[in-house]
C-alpha atoms as a PDB file:
ATOM      1  CA  MET A   1       0.000   0.000   0.000  1.00  0.00           C
ATOM      2  CA  VAL A   2       1.078   3.537  -0.691  1.00  0.00           C
ATOM      3  CA  ILE A   3       0.227   4.681   2.832  1.00  0.00           C
ATOM      4  CA  ASP A   4       2.523   1.998   4.271  1.00  0.00           C
ATOM      5  CA  ARG A   5       5.450   3.242   2.198  1.00  0.00           C
ATOM      6  CA  ILE A   6       4.803   6.884   3.088  1.00  0.00           C
ATOM      7  CA  ALA A   7       4.573   5.966   6.768  1.00  0.00           C
ATOM      8  CA  LEU A   8       7.832   4.018   6.573  1.00  0.00           C
ATOM      9  CA  ILE A   9       9.601   6.906   4.840  1.00  0.00           C
ATOM     10  CA  LEU A  10       8.387   9.358   7.490  1.00  0.00           C
ATOM     11  CA  ALA A  11       9.376   6.969  10.278  1.00  0.00           C
ATOM     12  CA  ILE A  12      12.850   6.641   8.769  1.00  0.00           C
ATOM     13  CA  ILE A  13      13.157  10.427   8.553  1.00  0.00           C
ATOM     14  CA  GLY A  14      12.162  10.629  12.218  1.00  0.00           C
ATOM     15  CA  ALA A  15      14.665   7.939  13.166  1.00  0.00           C
ATOM     16  CA  LEU A  16      17.479   9.709  11.322  1.00  0.00           C
ATOM     17  CA  ASN A  17      16.541  12.988  12.985  1.00  0.00           C
ATOM     18  CA  TRP A  18      16.533  11.370  16.450  1.00  0.00           C
ATOM     19  CA  GLY A  19      19.843   9.708  15.634  1.00  0.00           C
ATOM     20  CA  SER A  20      21.383  13.066  14.760  1.00  0.00           C
ATOM     21  CA  ILE A  21      20.023  14.537  18.001  1.00  0.00           C
ATOM     22  CA  GLY A  22      21.433  11.644  20.037  1.00  0.00           C
ATOM     23  CA  ILE A  23      24.837  11.517  18.375  1.00  0.00           C
ATOM     24  CA  PHE A  24      25.499  15.146  17.470  1.00  0.00           C
ATOM     25  CA  GLY A  25      22.955  17.106  19.506  1.00  0.00           C
ATOM     26  CA  PHE A  26      21.652  18.563  16.237  1.00  0.00           C
ATOM     27  CA  ASP A  27      17.961  18.646  15.245  1.00  0.00           C
ATOM     28  CA  ILE A  28      17.919  18.577  11.437  1.00  0.00           C
ATOM     29  CA  VAL A  29      14.172  19.219  11.066  1.00  0.00           C
ATOM     30  CA  ALA A  30      14.259  22.215  13.414  1.00  0.00           C
ATOM     31  CA  TYR A  31      17.317  23.592  11.629  1.00  0.00           C
ATOM     32  CA  ILE A  32      15.708  23.324   8.196  1.00  0.00           C
ATOM     33  CA  CYS A  33      12.293  24.598   9.283  1.00  0.00           C
ATOM     34  CA  GLY A  34      13.237  27.485  11.555  1.00  0.00           C
ATOM     35  CA  GLY A  35      13.274  26.035  15.071  1.00  0.00           C
ATOM     36  CA  GLN A  36      11.459  23.406  17.082  1.00  0.00           C
ATOM     37  CA  LEU A  37       8.442  25.576  17.771  1.00  0.00           C
ATOM     38  CA  SER A  38       7.869  26.783  14.210  1.00  0.00           C
ATOM     39  CA  THR A  39       4.624  25.681  12.629  1.00  0.00           C
ATOM     40  CA  VAL A  40       6.348  23.756   9.845  1.00  0.00           C
ATOM     41  CA  SER A  41       8.514  21.822  12.323  1.00  0.00           C
ATOM     42  CA  ARG A  42       5.524  20.975  14.469  1.00  0.00           C
ATOM     43  CA  VAL A  43       3.591  19.717  11.433  1.00  0.00           C
ATOM     44  CA  ILE A  44       6.533  17.524  10.392  1.00  0.00           C
ATOM     45  CA  PHE A  45       6.980  16.188  13.935  1.00  0.00           C
ATOM     46  CA  THR A  46       3.237  15.426  14.089  1.00  0.00           C
ATOM     47  CA  LEU A  47       3.281  13.627  10.727  1.00  0.00           C
ATOM     48  CA  VAL A  48       6.285  11.569  11.814  1.00  0.00           C
ATOM     49  CA  GLY A  49       4.489  10.639  15.047  1.00  0.00           C
ATOM     50  CA  ILE A  50       1.344   9.588  13.180  1.00  0.00           C
ATOM     51  CA  ALA A  51       3.488   7.606  10.743  1.00  0.00           C
ATOM     52  CA  GLY A  52       5.130   5.823  13.661  1.00  0.00           C
ATOM     53  CA  LEU A  53       1.729   4.848  15.017  1.00  0.00           C
ATOM     54  CA  TRP A  54       0.700   3.619  11.574  1.00  0.00           C
ATOM     55  CA  CYS A  55       3.881   1.507  11.375  1.00  0.00           C
ATOM     56  CA  VAL A  56       2.868  -0.275  14.575  1.00  0.00           C
ATOM     57  CA  SER A  57      -0.029  -1.727  12.597  1.00  0.00           C
ATOM     58  CA  LEU A  58       2.492  -3.270  10.173  1.00  0.00           C
ATOM     59  CA  LEU A  59       3.694  -5.528  12.970  1.00  0.00           C
ATOM     60  CA  PHE A  60       0.283  -7.106  13.440  1.00  0.00           C
ATOM     61  CA  ARG A  61      -0.930  -7.459   9.862  1.00  0.00           C
ATOM     62  CA  GLN A  62      -1.171 -10.737   8.018  1.00  0.00           C
ATOM     63  CA  ARG A  63       1.137 -10.868   5.051  1.00  0.00           C
ATOM     64  CA  GLU A  64      -0.305 -11.762   1.719  1.00  0.00           C
ATOM     65  CA  GLU A  65       1.567 -14.892   0.723  1.00  0.00           C
ATOM     66  CA  TYR A  66       0.386 -15.070  -2.844  1.00  0.00           C
ATOM     67  CA  ARG A  67       1.561 -13.186  -5.928  1.00  0.00           C
ATOM     68  CA  GLU A  68      -0.062 -12.928  -9.262  1.00  0.00           C
ATOM     69  CA  ASP A  69       2.095 -14.472 -11.961  1.00  0.00           C
ATOM     70  CA  MET A  70       2.423 -12.570 -15.189  1.00  0.00           C
END
């Protein structure tokens, strides 16, 4: 699903941002968007959080084991 891929991409962006905060003490999203409290940063942080919650559902879904042969 497209939503799954978007959620995974946003979760990866969030993970990389948290990694840069943990290792370097540098918040990439806040730097690019004008600070942690800017509206754009808060929207991105919110989208990443929602994507993380969506990714939790990936853990509990049944995988489709079949593929259509061409």
